[in-house]
C-alpha atoms as a PDB file:
ATOM      1  CA  THR A   1     -28.423  26.755-105.037  1.00  0.00           C
ATOM      2  CA  ALA A   2     -30.088  23.945-106.931  1.00  0.00           C
ATOM      3  CA  SER A   3     -29.229  21.808-109.921  1.00  0.00           C
ATOM      4  CA  GLY A   4     -31.831  20.244-112.203  1.00  0.00           C
ATOM      5  CA  ASN A   5     -35.587  20.607-111.924  1.00  0.00           C
ATOM      6  CA  ILE A   6     -37.221  22.208-108.919  1.00  0.00           C
ATOM      7  CA  SER A   7     -40.768  21.161-108.051  1.00  0.00           C
ATOM      8  CA  THR A   8     -42.992  22.645-105.375  1.00  0.00           C
ATOM      9  CA  SER A   9     -46.620  22.493-104.379  1.00  0.00           C
ATOM     10  CA  GLY A  10     -46.359  25.761-102.494  1.00  0.00           C
ATOM     11  CA  THR A  11     -45.221  29.279-103.200  1.00  0.00           C
ATOM     12  CA  VAL A  12     -41.698  30.065-104.377  1.00  0.00           C
ATOM     13  CA  PHE A  13     -40.286  33.370-103.175  1.00  0.00           C
ATOM     14  CA  ALA A  14     -37.214  34.860-104.843  1.00  0.00           C
ATOM     15  CA  SER A  15     -35.662  38.280-105.064  1.00  0.00           C
ATOM     16  CA  ALA A  16     -34.692  37.628-108.712  1.00  0.00           C
ATOM     17  CA  PHE A  17     -35.044  35.062-111.488  1.00  0.00           C
ATOM     18  CA  SER A  18     -32.520  34.689-114.291  1.00  0.00           C
ATOM     19  CA  SER A  19     -31.832  32.284-117.125  1.00  0.00           C
ATOM     20  CA  PRO A  20     -28.857  29.991-116.575  1.00  0.00           C
ATOM     21  CA  HIS A  21     -28.448  29.586-120.338  1.00  0.00           C
ATOM     22  CA  GLY A  22     -27.806  33.248-121.023  1.00  0.00           C
ATOM     23  CA  ASP A  23     -30.710  33.432-123.493  1.00  0.00           C
ATOM     24  CA  GLY A  24     -32.850  35.494-121.124  1.00  0.00           C
ATOM     25  CA  ASP A  25     -35.813  33.108-121.392  1.00  0.00           C
ATOM     26  CA  ILE A  26     -37.621  31.906-118.298  1.00  0.00           C
ATOM     27  CA  ASP A  27     -40.347  29.423-119.176  1.00  0.00           C
ATOM     28  CA  PHE A  28     -43.478  28.596-117.216  1.00  0.00           C
ATOM     29  CA  SER A  29     -45.594  25.652-118.350  1.00  0.00           C
ATOM     30  CA  ASP A  30     -48.677  26.752-116.405  1.00  0.00           C
ATOM     31  CA  SER A  31     -50.250  30.004-115.288  1.00  0.00           C
ATOM     32  CA  LEU A  32     -48.149  32.819-113.925  1.00  0.00           C
ATOM     33  CA  ASP A  33     -50.012  35.170-111.607  1.00  0.00           C
ATOM     34  CA  VAL A  34     -48.360  38.490-110.870  1.00  0.00           C
ATOM     35  CA  VAL A  35     -49.455  40.838-108.111  1.00  0.00           C
ATOM     36  CA  GLY A  36     -48.105  44.264-108.915  1.00  0.00           C
ATOM     37  CA  ASN A  37     -46.650  45.808-112.055  1.00  0.00           C
ATOM     38  CA  ILE A  38     -44.918  44.148-114.971  1.00  0.00           C
ATOM     39  CA  THR A  39     -42.330  46.319-116.689  1.00  0.00           C
ATOM     40  CA  ALA A  40     -40.614  45.430-119.954  1.00  0.00           C
ATOM     41  CA  SER A  41     -37.848  47.248-121.787  1.00  0.00           C
ATOM     42  CA  GLY A  42     -38.311  45.013-124.835  1.00  0.00           C
ATOM     43  CA  ASN A  43     -41.195  43.504-126.750  1.00  0.00           C
ATOM     44  CA  ILE A  44     -44.085  41.661-125.155  1.00  0.00           C
ATOM     45  CA  SER A  45     -45.619  38.979-127.361  1.00  0.00           C
ATOM     46  CA  SER A  46     -48.296  36.353-127.034  1.00  0.00           C
ATOM     47  CA  SER A  47     -49.587  33.559-129.228  1.00  0.00           C
ATOM     48  CA  GLY A  48     -52.853  33.688-127.290  1.00  0.00           C
ATOM     49  CA  ILE A  49     -55.264  36.289-125.985  1.00  0.00           C
ATOM     50  CA  ILE A  50     -54.070  38.940-123.552  1.00  0.00           C
ATOM     51  CA  THR A  51     -56.833  40.171-121.264  1.00  0.00           C
ATOM     52  CA  GLY A  52     -56.927  42.930-118.710  1.00  0.00           C
ATOM     53  CA  GLU A  53     -59.209  45.360-116.980  1.00  0.00           C
ATOM     54  CA  GLY A  54     -57.453  48.430-118.327  1.00  0.00           C
ATOM     55  CA  LEU A  55     -55.106  49.323-121.140  1.00  0.00           C
ATOM     56  CA  VAL A  56     -53.035  52.476-121.208  1.00  0.00           C
ATOM     57  CA  ILE A  57     -50.786  53.276-124.150  1.00  0.00           C
ATOM     58  CA  SER A  58     -48.541  56.253-123.516  1.00  0.00           C
ATOM     59  CA  ASP A  59     -46.809  56.292-126.899  1.00  0.00           C
ATOM     60  CA  ASP A  60     -47.465  55.228-130.506  1.00  0.00           C
ATOM     61  CA  ALA A  61     -49.088  51.827-131.062  1.00  0.00           C
ATOM     62  CA  ASP A  62     -49.236  49.654-134.163  1.00  0.00           C
ATOM     63  CA  ILE A  63     -52.274  47.366-134.314  1.00  0.00           C
ATOM     64  CA  THR A  64     -51.756  44.627-136.916  1.00  0.00           C
ATOM     65  CA  ASP A  65     -55.070  42.809-136.326  1.00  0.00           C
ATOM     66  CA  ALA A  66     -58.510  43.597-134.973  1.00  0.00           C
ATOM     67  CA  LEU A  67     -58.814  45.562-131.759  1.00  0.00           C
ATOM     68  CA  ARG A  68     -62.065  44.715-129.992  1.00  0.00           C
ATOM     69  CA  ILE A  69     -63.328  47.135-127.390  1.00  0.00           C
END
C-alpha cells in the first residue's frame, strides 16, 4: 500500500493496476512497453501514430483518415 507518488528506476511488477479515482484512467508520462497481448473491451484511441508489425481486424472497421500500407 502506498500513498502519493511512487518513483522507481527499476521494474514494477503487479498483478493488477486500477485507478484510485474511479475514472478508470491510468496515465503513463513516458513509454509503456508491453510483452504479450493487450485486450480491450472498449475503444482504443491515440492522438499520435500507432505502429505495429501486424494488424488483424476480425470484424467491421471504420477508417476516418488515410490508411497507409
